[in-house]
Amino acid sequence: MEPEHYAVIDVETTGFSATRDRIVEVACALIDGERIVGRWATLVDPGIAIPSYATEVHGITDDMVSGAPRLGRALKYLRRRCKGRVVAAHCARFDLSFVGPSVGRKGLCTMLLSRALFPEAPNHKNQTLRRFLDIDRAAEEEFEAHRALSDALVSAHILIACRRRFRARYADESWKRFTRRNAFVVMKSR
């Protein structure tokens, strides 16, 4: 299977609407083939108060983002890391809707990919797959749920597990064709 270069992204936000809500943290895990070769994250000043219900999920407070880069600067750093790589995310439509076309209009969705390659998993949420695939043990690292870097790293490990499962089960099929058919999402222009 040909080595590919991925940028697995994740965002934490003030809510679920890309039109009304804002990013408060963005992260990226870089994969070459089946190895994580880099990681990056930054808090983002959303320019609005973070609702308490959002803080309850990710633990990010207004004080934590005070003095953090604004979104434009954070996305500039993210674009630089994604350049020349296939953008991936666990729920790619959600993450791409927040980072916008400047980072990517299409992406590999590790949730869709895991559905195709691990149908026996209890469900295909990021944290369920983290436990199902025993990612913390395999990575020799403990991840913090609902923080952008940890979630991006978990998604990167899910992608690597999917590549390995694919290689073991579909040796005669093209990975690129398989992912295009089963796991790529394309965002509509706004």
N, C-alpha and C. Protein backbone atom coordinates (compact mmCIF):
# COMPACT_ATOMS: atom_id res chain seq x y z
N MET A 1 0.86 -1.18 0.00
CA MET A 1 0.00 0.00 0.00
C MET A 1 0.90 1.24 0.00
N GLU A 2 0.55 2.18 -0.84
CA GLU A 2 1.36 3.38 -1.00
C GLU A 2 1.31 4.23 0.28
N PRO A 3 2.46 4.79 0.68
CA PRO A 3 2.43 5.68 1.85
C PRO A 3 1.71 6.97 1.48
N GLU A 4 0.95 7.46 2.40
CA GLU A 4 0.28 8.73 2.20
C GLU A 4 0.60 9.64 3.36
N HIS A 5 0.37 10.89 3.15
CA HIS A 5 0.66 11.91 4.16
C HIS A 5 -0.67 12.56 4.55
N TYR A 6 -0.98 12.49 5.84
CA TYR A 6 -2.27 12.98 6.35
C TYR A 6 -2.05 14.09 7.36
N ALA A 7 -3.02 14.97 7.43
CA ALA A 7 -3.13 15.95 8.51
C ALA A 7 -4.49 15.70 9.14
N VAL A 8 -4.48 15.10 10.32
CA VAL A 8 -5.73 14.78 11.02
C VAL A 8 -6.05 15.94 11.95
N ILE A 9 -7.16 16.61 11.68
CA ILE A 9 -7.50 17.82 12.42
C ILE A 9 -8.65 17.56 13.40
N ASP A 10 -8.74 18.45 14.38
CA ASP A 10 -9.87 18.43 15.30
C ASP A 10 -10.07 19.85 15.82
N VAL A 11 -11.33 20.20 16.07
CA VAL A 11 -11.64 21.50 16.65
C VAL A 11 -12.53 21.32 17.87
N GLU A 12 -12.38 22.21 18.82
CA GLU A 12 -13.32 22.36 19.93
C GLU A 12 -13.98 23.72 19.71
N THR A 13 -15.27 23.79 20.00
CA THR A 13 -16.04 24.97 19.62
C THR A 13 -16.96 25.46 20.74
N THR A 14 -17.62 26.58 20.47
CA THR A 14 -18.60 27.11 21.42
C THR A 14 -19.97 26.47 21.25
N GLY A 15 -20.13 25.65 20.20
CA GLY A 15 -21.40 24.99 19.93
C GLY A 15 -21.32 24.19 18.64
N PHE A 16 -22.46 23.79 18.10
CA PHE A 16 -22.49 22.90 16.95
C PHE A 16 -22.73 23.57 15.60
N SER A 17 -23.02 24.85 15.58
CA SER A 17 -23.35 25.54 14.34
C SER A 17 -22.14 26.31 13.80
N ALA A 18 -21.67 25.92 12.63
CA ALA A 18 -20.52 26.61 12.03
C ALA A 18 -20.85 28.05 11.65
N THR A 19 -22.13 28.38 11.51
CA THR A 19 -22.50 29.75 11.16
C THR A 19 -22.65 30.64 12.39
N ARG A 20 -23.03 30.06 13.53
CA ARG A 20 -23.24 30.86 14.75
C ARG A 20 -22.14 30.70 15.79
N ASP A 21 -21.50 29.55 15.82
CA ASP A 21 -20.52 29.27 16.87
C ASP A 21 -19.10 29.46 16.37
N ARG A 22 -18.15 29.39 17.30
CA ARG A 22 -16.75 29.69 16.99
C ARG A 22 -15.82 28.60 17.52
N ILE A 23 -14.65 28.53 16.93
CA ILE A 23 -13.59 27.61 17.37
C ILE A 23 -12.92 28.19 18.60
N VAL A 24 -12.65 27.33 19.59
CA VAL A 24 -11.88 27.75 20.77
C VAL A 24 -10.55 26.99 20.88
N GLU A 25 -10.41 25.90 20.10
CA GLU A 25 -9.15 25.16 20.07
C GLU A 25 -9.09 24.39 18.76
N VAL A 26 -7.91 24.35 18.17
CA VAL A 26 -7.70 23.60 16.93
C VAL A 26 -6.40 22.82 17.06
N ALA A 27 -6.39 21.62 16.47
CA ALA A 27 -5.19 20.78 16.56
C ALA A 27 -5.03 19.96 15.30
N CYS A 28 -3.83 19.43 15.14
CA CYS A 28 -3.49 18.65 13.97
C CYS A 28 -2.46 17.60 14.36
N ALA A 29 -2.68 16.37 13.92
CA ALA A 29 -1.70 15.29 14.05
C ALA A 29 -1.27 14.90 12.65
N LEU A 30 0.02 14.86 12.40
CA LEU A 30 0.54 14.55 11.07
C LEU A 30 0.93 13.08 11.00
N ILE A 31 0.52 12.43 9.92
CA ILE A 31 0.83 11.02 9.71
C ILE A 31 1.56 10.87 8.38
N ASP A 32 2.65 10.12 8.40
CA ASP A 32 3.32 9.68 7.18
C ASP A 32 3.20 8.17 7.16
N GLY A 33 2.47 7.65 6.17
CA GLY A 33 2.23 6.21 6.11
C GLY A 33 1.41 5.77 7.29
N GLU A 34 2.04 5.07 8.21
CA GLU A 34 1.35 4.60 9.42
C GLU A 34 2.07 5.07 10.69
N ARG A 35 2.75 6.21 10.60
CA ARG A 35 3.45 6.77 11.75
C ARG A 35 3.01 8.20 12.00
N ILE A 36 2.76 8.52 13.24
CA ILE A 36 2.48 9.91 13.61
C ILE A 36 3.83 10.60 13.72
N VAL A 37 4.00 11.64 12.92
CA VAL A 37 5.31 12.30 12.83
C VAL A 37 5.29 13.73 13.36
N GLY A 38 4.11 14.21 13.75
CA GLY A 38 4.04 15.57 14.27
C GLY A 38 2.71 15.83 14.92
N ARG A 39 2.70 16.83 15.79
CA ARG A 39 1.47 17.23 16.47
C ARG A 39 1.55 18.72 16.76
N TRP A 40 0.39 19.36 16.72
CA TRP A 40 0.33 20.80 16.96
C TRP A 40 -1.07 21.14 17.45
N ALA A 41 -1.15 22.11 18.35
CA ALA A 41 -2.46 22.58 18.83
C ALA A 41 -2.32 24.01 19.34
N THR A 42 -3.41 24.72 19.28
CA THR A 42 -3.47 26.04 19.90
C THR A 42 -4.89 26.31 20.37
N LEU A 43 -4.98 27.01 21.49
CA LEU A 43 -6.26 27.58 21.89
C LEU A 43 -6.53 28.74 20.94
N VAL A 44 -7.78 29.12 20.79
CA VAL A 44 -8.16 30.20 19.89
C VAL A 44 -9.10 31.14 20.65
N ASP A 45 -8.82 32.43 20.57
CA ASP A 45 -9.72 33.42 21.15
C ASP A 45 -10.91 33.58 20.21
N PRO A 46 -12.11 33.14 20.64
CA PRO A 46 -13.25 33.17 19.74
C PRO A 46 -13.87 34.56 19.58
N GLY A 47 -13.47 35.52 20.42
CA GLY A 47 -14.04 36.85 20.34
C GLY A 47 -15.41 36.95 20.97
N ILE A 48 -15.90 35.87 21.55
CA ILE A 48 -17.19 35.85 22.26
C ILE A 48 -17.00 35.03 23.53
N ALA A 49 -17.93 35.18 24.45
CA ALA A 49 -17.89 34.38 25.68
C ALA A 49 -18.18 32.92 25.34
N ILE A 50 -17.48 32.01 25.99
CA ILE A 50 -17.71 30.58 25.79
C ILE A 50 -18.88 30.18 26.67
N PRO A 51 -19.93 29.62 26.08
CA PRO A 51 -21.08 29.21 26.89
C PRO A 51 -20.70 28.12 27.88
N SER A 52 -21.35 28.13 29.04
CA SER A 52 -21.03 27.15 30.09
C SER A 52 -21.25 25.72 29.62
N TYR A 53 -22.27 25.48 28.77
CA TYR A 53 -22.51 24.12 28.30
C TYR A 53 -21.35 23.62 27.43
N ALA A 54 -20.68 24.52 26.71
CA ALA A 54 -19.52 24.12 25.91
C ALA A 54 -18.33 23.84 26.82
N THR A 55 -18.12 24.70 27.82
CA THR A 55 -17.04 24.49 28.78
C THR A 55 -17.21 23.16 29.51
N GLU A 56 -18.46 22.78 29.81
CA GLU A 56 -18.71 21.50 30.47
C GLU A 56 -18.21 20.32 29.63
N VAL A 57 -18.23 20.46 28.32
CA VAL A 57 -17.77 19.38 27.43
C VAL A 57 -16.26 19.35 27.34
N HIS A 58 -15.63 20.47 26.96
CA HIS A 58 -14.19 20.45 26.69
C HIS A 58 -13.33 21.06 27.78
N GLY A 59 -13.93 21.72 28.73
CA GLY A 59 -13.17 22.28 29.84
C GLY A 59 -12.45 23.59 29.54
N ILE A 60 -12.67 24.15 28.36
CA ILE A 60 -11.98 25.39 27.96
C ILE A 60 -12.79 26.58 28.42
N THR A 61 -12.13 27.49 29.14
CA THR A 61 -12.79 28.66 29.71
C THR A 61 -12.36 29.94 29.00
N ASP A 62 -13.09 31.01 29.29
CA ASP A 62 -12.73 32.33 28.74
C ASP A 62 -11.32 32.73 29.17
N ASP A 63 -10.97 32.46 30.42
CA ASP A 63 -9.62 32.81 30.90
C ASP A 63 -8.55 32.07 30.11
N MET A 64 -8.81 30.83 29.76
CA MET A 64 -7.81 30.03 29.03
C MET A 64 -7.55 30.58 27.63
N VAL A 65 -8.57 31.14 26.98
CA VAL A 65 -8.38 31.64 25.61
C VAL A 65 -7.99 33.11 25.56
N SER A 66 -7.99 33.77 26.71
CA SER A 66 -7.58 35.17 26.76
C SER A 66 -6.11 35.27 26.34
N GLY A 67 -5.85 36.05 25.30
CA GLY A 67 -4.49 36.20 24.80
C GLY A 67 -4.09 35.14 23.77
N ALA A 68 -4.95 34.18 23.51
CA ALA A 68 -4.68 33.17 22.48
C ALA A 68 -4.83 33.81 21.10
N PRO A 69 -4.25 33.19 20.07
CA PRO A 69 -4.42 33.76 18.72
C PRO A 69 -5.88 33.80 18.31
N ARG A 70 -6.22 34.76 17.47
CA ARG A 70 -7.56 34.81 16.87
C ARG A 70 -7.61 33.75 15.77
N LEU A 71 -8.80 33.48 15.27
CA LEU A 71 -9.00 32.38 14.33
C LEU A 71 -8.16 32.51 13.06
N GLY A 72 -8.08 33.69 12.49
CA GLY A 72 -7.31 33.87 11.25
C GLY A 72 -5.88 33.40 11.39
N ARG A 73 -5.23 33.78 12.48
CA ARG A 73 -3.84 33.38 12.70
C ARG A 73 -3.74 31.88 12.96
N ALA A 74 -4.67 31.34 13.74
CA ALA A 74 -4.66 29.91 14.03
C ALA A 74 -4.84 29.09 12.74
N LEU A 75 -5.76 29.54 11.88
CA LEU A 75 -5.98 28.81 10.62
C LEU A 75 -4.79 28.93 9.68
N LYS A 76 -4.08 30.03 9.75
CA LYS A 76 -2.85 30.18 8.95
C LYS A 76 -1.84 29.11 9.36
N TYR A 77 -1.67 28.91 10.66
CA TYR A 77 -0.76 27.87 11.15
C TYR A 77 -1.26 26.48 10.74
N LEU A 78 -2.57 26.26 10.83
CA LEU A 78 -3.14 24.97 10.47
C LEU A 78 -2.95 24.69 8.98
N ARG A 79 -3.23 25.69 8.14
CA ARG A 79 -3.05 25.52 6.68
C ARG A 79 -1.62 25.10 6.35
N ARG A 80 -0.67 25.72 7.02
CA ARG A 80 0.74 25.41 6.78
C ARG A 80 1.02 23.94 7.07
N ARG A 81 0.43 23.42 8.13
CA ARG A 81 0.65 22.01 8.49
C ARG A 81 -0.08 21.05 7.55
N CYS A 82 -1.21 21.48 7.01
CA CYS A 82 -2.01 20.61 6.14
C CYS A 82 -1.52 20.60 4.70
N LYS A 83 -0.70 21.56 4.33
CA LYS A 83 -0.27 21.70 2.94
C LYS A 83 0.39 20.41 2.43
N GLY A 84 -0.10 19.93 1.28
CA GLY A 84 0.46 18.74 0.66
C GLY A 84 0.03 17.43 1.30
N ARG A 85 -0.92 17.50 2.24
CA ARG A 85 -1.38 16.31 2.95
C ARG A 85 -2.88 16.12 2.72
N VAL A 86 -3.33 14.91 2.87
CA VAL A 86 -4.76 14.62 2.85
C VAL A 86 -5.32 15.03 4.20
N VAL A 87 -6.30 15.92 4.20
CA VAL A 87 -6.93 16.36 5.45
C VAL A 87 -7.90 15.28 5.90
N ALA A 88 -7.85 14.94 7.18
CA ALA A 88 -8.74 13.93 7.76
C ALA A 88 -9.27 14.46 9.09
N ALA A 89 -10.43 13.96 9.47
CA ALA A 89 -11.03 14.30 10.77
C ALA A 89 -12.03 13.21 11.11
N HIS A 90 -12.35 13.08 12.40
CA HIS A 90 -13.23 11.98 12.76
C HIS A 90 -14.66 12.21 12.29
N CYS A 91 -15.15 13.37 12.40
CA CYS A 91 -16.45 13.72 11.80
C CYS A 91 -16.14 14.88 10.86
N ALA A 92 -15.62 14.52 9.68
CA ALA A 92 -15.01 15.50 8.79
C ALA A 92 -15.95 16.64 8.41
N ARG A 93 -17.23 16.36 8.21
CA ARG A 93 -18.16 17.45 7.85
C ARG A 93 -18.18 18.53 8.93
N PHE A 94 -18.20 18.12 10.18
CA PHE A 94 -18.23 19.07 11.29
C PHE A 94 -16.96 19.92 11.30
N ASP A 95 -15.80 19.27 11.35
CA ASP A 95 -14.54 20.01 11.46
C ASP A 95 -14.30 20.90 10.24
N LEU A 96 -14.55 20.36 9.04
CA LEU A 96 -14.35 21.16 7.83
C LEU A 96 -15.32 22.34 7.77
N SER A 97 -16.52 22.17 8.30
CA SER A 97 -17.47 23.29 8.29
C SER A 97 -16.96 24.45 9.14
N PHE A 98 -16.17 24.16 10.15
CA PHE A 98 -15.62 25.22 11.01
C PHE A 98 -14.33 25.81 10.45
N VAL A 99 -13.43 24.99 9.92
CA VAL A 99 -12.14 25.53 9.45
C VAL A 99 -12.26 26.12 8.06
N GLY A 100 -13.28 25.72 7.31
CA GLY A 100 -13.56 26.33 6.03
C GLY A 100 -12.68 25.88 4.89
N PRO A 101 -12.99 26.39 3.71
CA PRO A 101 -12.30 25.95 2.50
C PRO A 101 -10.82 26.33 2.45
N SER A 102 -10.40 27.29 3.28
CA SER A 102 -8.98 27.64 3.26
C SER A 102 -8.12 26.49 3.76
N VAL A 103 -8.70 25.59 4.54
CA VAL A 103 -7.97 24.41 4.99
C VAL A 103 -8.33 23.22 4.11
N GLY A 104 -9.59 23.10 3.73
CA GLY A 104 -9.97 22.01 2.84
C GLY A 104 -11.45 21.95 2.56
N ARG A 105 -11.79 21.62 1.34
CA ARG A 105 -13.18 21.41 0.94
C ARG A 105 -13.55 19.93 1.01
N LYS A 106 -12.53 19.08 1.00
CA LYS A 106 -12.79 17.65 1.09
C LYS A 106 -11.86 17.06 2.13
N GLY A 107 -12.31 15.96 2.71
CA GLY A 107 -11.49 15.32 3.72
C GLY A 107 -11.88 13.88 3.92
N LEU A 108 -10.95 13.14 4.45
CA LEU A 108 -11.17 11.75 4.79
C LEU A 108 -11.84 11.70 6.16
N CYS A 109 -12.97 11.07 6.25
CA CYS A 109 -13.71 10.98 7.50
C CYS A 109 -13.38 9.65 8.18
N THR A 110 -12.67 9.71 9.30
CA THR A 110 -12.29 8.46 9.98
C THR A 110 -13.49 7.77 10.61
N MET A 111 -14.57 8.50 10.88
CA MET A 111 -15.77 7.84 11.38
C MET A 111 -16.38 6.96 10.28
N LEU A 112 -16.52 7.49 9.07
CA LEU A 112 -17.04 6.71 7.96
C LEU A 112 -16.11 5.55 7.63
N LEU A 113 -14.82 5.81 7.66
CA LEU A 113 -13.83 4.77 7.37
C LEU A 113 -13.91 3.64 8.39
N SER A 114 -14.04 4.00 9.66
CA SER A 114 -14.14 2.97 10.71
C SER A 114 -15.42 2.16 10.58
N ARG A 115 -16.50 2.78 10.12
CA ARG A 115 -17.74 2.02 9.88
C ARG A 115 -17.53 0.95 8.81
N ALA A 116 -16.77 1.30 7.78
CA ALA A 116 -16.52 0.35 6.70
C ALA A 116 -15.56 -0.76 7.11
N LEU A 117 -14.59 -0.44 7.98
CA LEU A 117 -13.55 -1.42 8.30
C LEU A 117 -13.70 -2.07 9.68
N PHE A 118 -14.44 -1.46 10.58
CA PHE A 118 -14.68 -2.04 11.91
C PHE A 118 -16.18 -2.06 12.19
N PRO A 119 -16.97 -2.77 11.36
CA PRO A 119 -18.42 -2.78 11.58
C PRO A 119 -18.81 -3.42 12.91
N GLU A 120 -17.93 -4.21 13.50
CA GLU A 120 -18.22 -4.89 14.76
C GLU A 120 -18.06 -3.99 15.99
N ALA A 121 -17.56 -2.77 15.82
CA ALA A 121 -17.41 -1.85 16.96
C ALA A 121 -18.80 -1.51 17.51
N PRO A 122 -18.90 -1.27 18.83
CA PRO A 122 -20.21 -0.96 19.43
C PRO A 122 -20.88 0.26 18.79
N ASN A 123 -20.09 1.27 18.49
CA ASN A 123 -20.50 2.42 17.68
C ASN A 123 -19.22 3.03 17.15
N HIS A 124 -19.31 4.10 16.42
CA HIS A 124 -18.12 4.63 15.77
C HIS A 124 -17.74 6.04 16.22
N LYS A 125 -18.14 6.35 17.45
CA LYS A 125 -17.71 7.61 18.06
C LYS A 125 -16.22 7.53 18.36
N ASN A 126 -15.58 8.67 18.37
CA ASN A 126 -14.14 8.75 18.61
C ASN A 126 -13.74 8.04 19.90
N GLN A 127 -14.40 8.35 21.00
CA GLN A 127 -14.01 7.78 22.29
C GLN A 127 -14.36 6.30 22.41
N THR A 128 -15.43 5.85 21.77
CA THR A 128 -15.76 4.43 21.76
C THR A 128 -14.68 3.66 21.02
N LEU A 129 -14.26 4.16 19.87
CA LEU A 129 -13.19 3.50 19.11
C LEU A 129 -11.86 3.55 19.86
N ARG A 130 -11.64 4.61 20.60
CA ARG A 130 -10.43 4.70 21.44
C ARG A 130 -10.37 3.50 22.38
N ARG A 131 -11.49 3.17 23.01
CA ARG A 131 -11.52 2.02 23.92
C ARG A 131 -11.53 0.71 23.15
N PHE A 132 -12.34 0.62 22.10
CA PHE A 132 -12.48 -0.61 21.32
C PHE A 132 -11.13 -1.04 20.71
N LEU A 133 -10.36 -0.07 20.22
CA LEU A 133 -9.07 -0.37 19.60
C LEU A 133 -7.91 -0.31 20.59
N ASP A 134 -8.22 -0.02 21.86
CA ASP A 134 -7.22 0.06 22.93
C ASP A 134 -6.08 1.01 22.54
N ILE A 135 -6.46 2.18 22.08
CA ILE A 135 -5.51 3.15 21.53
C ILE A 135 -4.53 3.67 22.58
N ASP A 136 -4.99 3.94 23.79
CA ASP A 136 -4.08 4.47 24.81
C ASP A 136 -2.91 3.51 25.04
N ARG A 137 -3.21 2.21 25.10
CA ARG A 137 -2.16 1.21 25.31
C ARG A 137 -1.24 1.16 24.10
N ALA A 138 -1.84 1.08 22.91
CA ALA A 138 -1.04 1.00 21.68
C ALA A 138 -0.14 2.23 21.51
N ALA A 139 -0.65 3.39 21.87
CA ALA A 139 0.11 4.63 21.72
C ALA A 139 1.04 4.89 22.90
N GLU A 140 0.85 4.11 23.97
CA GLU A 140 1.60 4.32 25.21
C GLU A 140 1.45 5.75 25.70
N GLU A 141 0.21 6.20 25.66
CA GLU A 141 -0.12 7.57 26.02
C GLU A 141 -1.59 7.58 26.44
N GLU A 142 -1.92 8.40 27.42
CA GLU A 142 -3.32 8.54 27.82
C GLU A 142 -3.86 9.83 27.25
N PHE A 143 -5.02 9.75 26.61
CA PHE A 143 -5.60 10.91 25.94
C PHE A 143 -6.75 11.48 26.76
N GLU A 144 -6.91 12.80 26.65
CA GLU A 144 -7.97 13.52 27.35
C GLU A 144 -9.10 13.79 26.37
N ALA A 145 -10.25 13.18 26.61
CA ALA A 145 -11.39 13.32 25.70
C ALA A 145 -11.82 14.78 25.57
N HIS A 146 -12.23 15.14 24.38
CA HIS A 146 -12.80 16.45 24.07
C HIS A 146 -11.81 17.60 24.23
N ARG A 147 -10.54 17.31 23.99
CA ARG A 147 -9.54 18.35 23.78
C ARG A 147 -8.99 18.10 22.39
N ALA A 148 -8.76 19.16 21.65
CA ALA A 148 -8.48 19.05 20.23
C ALA A 148 -7.27 18.16 19.91
N LEU A 149 -6.16 18.34 20.62
CA LEU A 149 -4.98 17.54 20.29
C LEU A 149 -5.20 16.07 20.62
N SER A 150 -5.75 15.78 21.78
CA SER A 150 -6.01 14.38 22.13
C SER A 150 -6.97 13.74 21.14
N ASP A 151 -8.03 14.44 20.78
CA ASP A 151 -9.00 13.88 19.83
C ASP A 151 -8.37 13.71 18.45
N ALA A 152 -7.53 14.64 18.02
CA ALA A 152 -6.84 14.49 16.73
C ALA A 152 -5.91 13.29 16.76
N LEU A 153 -5.21 13.09 17.87
CA LEU A 153 -4.31 11.93 17.99
C LEU A 153 -5.08 10.62 18.01
N VAL A 154 -6.21 10.59 18.73
CA VAL A 154 -7.04 9.39 18.73
C VAL A 154 -7.52 9.11 17.31
N SER A 155 -7.98 10.13 16.61
CA SER A 155 -8.43 9.96 15.22
C SER A 155 -7.29 9.49 14.32
N ALA A 156 -6.08 9.99 14.56
CA ALA A 156 -4.91 9.55 13.78
C ALA A 156 -4.67 8.06 14.02
N HIS A 157 -4.78 7.62 15.26
CA HIS A 157 -4.60 6.19 15.56
C HIS A 157 -5.72 5.35 14.96
N ILE A 158 -6.93 5.89 14.92
CA ILE A 158 -8.04 5.19 14.26
C ILE A 158 -7.72 5.03 12.78
N LEU A 159 -7.22 6.08 12.14
CA LEU A 159 -6.86 6.03 10.74
C LEU A 159 -5.78 4.97 10.50
N ILE A 160 -4.78 4.93 11.35
CA ILE A 160 -3.71 3.93 11.22
C ILE A 160 -4.28 2.52 11.39
N ALA A 161 -5.15 2.33 12.37
CA ALA A 161 -5.78 1.01 12.58
C ALA A 161 -6.61 0.62 11.35
N CYS A 162 -7.29 1.59 10.76
CA CYS A 162 -8.09 1.31 9.55
C CYS A 162 -7.19 0.92 8.39
N ARG A 163 -6.07 1.61 8.22
CA ARG A 163 -5.13 1.25 7.15
C ARG A 163 -4.62 -0.18 7.34
N ARG A 164 -4.31 -0.53 8.57
CA ARG A 164 -3.81 -1.89 8.84
C ARG A 164 -4.89 -2.94 8.59
N ARG A 165 -6.11 -2.67 9.01
CA ARG A 165 -7.21 -3.60 8.76
C ARG A 165 -7.45 -3.73 7.26
N PHE A 166 -7.42 -2.62 6.55
CA PHE A 166 -7.60 -2.66 5.10
C PHE A 166 -6.53 -3.53 4.45
N ARG A 167 -5.28 -3.29 4.81
CA ARG A 167 -4.16 -4.04 4.22
C ARG A 167 -4.32 -5.54 4.47
N ALA A 168 -4.78 -5.91 5.67
CA ALA A 168 -4.94 -7.33 6.01
C ALA A 168 -6.12 -7.97 5.27
N ARG A 169 -7.16 -7.21 5.00
CA ARG A 169 -8.38 -7.79 4.42
C ARG A 169 -8.55 -7.56 2.93
N TYR A 170 -7.96 -6.50 2.40
CA TYR A 170 -8.20 -6.13 1.01
C TYR A 170 -6.89 -5.91 0.25
N ALA A 171 -6.02 -6.88 0.31
CA ALA A 171 -4.68 -6.73 -0.27
C ALA A 171 -4.71 -6.40 -1.77
N ASP A 172 -5.74 -6.83 -2.48
CA ASP A 172 -5.80 -6.60 -3.92
C ASP A 172 -6.52 -5.32 -4.32
N GLU A 173 -7.05 -4.60 -3.37
CA GLU A 173 -7.80 -3.39 -3.69
C GLU A 173 -6.96 -2.14 -3.43
N SER A 174 -7.28 -1.05 -4.12
CA SER A 174 -6.58 0.22 -3.95
C SER A 174 -7.13 0.97 -2.73
N TRP A 175 -6.24 1.37 -1.84
CA TRP A 175 -6.61 2.16 -0.67
C TRP A 175 -7.27 3.47 -1.10
N LYS A 176 -6.68 4.13 -2.09
CA LYS A 176 -7.25 5.41 -2.53
C LYS A 176 -8.68 5.23 -3.05
N ARG A 177 -8.89 4.21 -3.85
CA ARG A 177 -10.23 3.95 -4.38
C ARG A 177 -11.20 3.62 -3.25
N PHE A 178 -10.74 2.79 -2.30
CA PHE A 178 -11.58 2.39 -1.16
C PHE A 178 -11.99 3.61 -0.33
N THR A 179 -11.03 4.47 -0.02
CA THR A 179 -11.35 5.64 0.80
C THR A 179 -12.23 6.62 0.05
N ARG A 180 -11.99 6.82 -1.24
CA ARG A 180 -12.85 7.71 -2.01
C ARG A 180 -14.30 7.22 -2.00
N ARG A 181 -14.47 5.92 -2.12
CA ARG A 181 -15.81 5.33 -2.19
C ARG A 181 -16.50 5.31 -0.82
N ASN A 182 -15.73 5.12 0.26
CA ASN A 182 -16.33 4.88 1.57
C ASN A 182 -16.17 5.99 2.60
N ALA A 183 -15.22 6.89 2.42
CA ALA A 183 -14.91 7.76 3.55
C ALA A 183 -14.59 9.21 3.22
N PHE A 184 -14.64 9.61 1.96
CA PHE A 184 -14.35 11.01 1.67
C PHE A 184 -15.63 11.82 1.70
N VAL A 185 -15.53 13.02 2.25
CA VAL A 185 -16.64 13.96 2.24
C VAL A 185 -16.18 15.20 1.48
N VAL A 186 -17.09 15.79 0.75
CA VAL A 186 -16.81 17.01 0.01
C VAL A 186 -17.81 18.05 0.48
N MET A 187 -17.29 19.19 0.89
CA MET A 187 -18.13 20.27 1.38
C MET A 187 -18.64 21.10 0.22
N LYS A 188 -19.88 21.52 0.31
CA LYS A 188 -20.47 22.39 -0.71
C LYS A 188 -19.91 23.80 -0.54
N SER A 189 -19.82 24.51 -1.64
CA SER A 189 -19.39 25.91 -1.58
C SER A 189 -20.49 26.72 -0.92
N ARG A 190 -20.09 27.71 -0.16
CA ARG A 190 -21.08 28.56 0.53
C ARG A 190 -21.58 29.65 -0.36
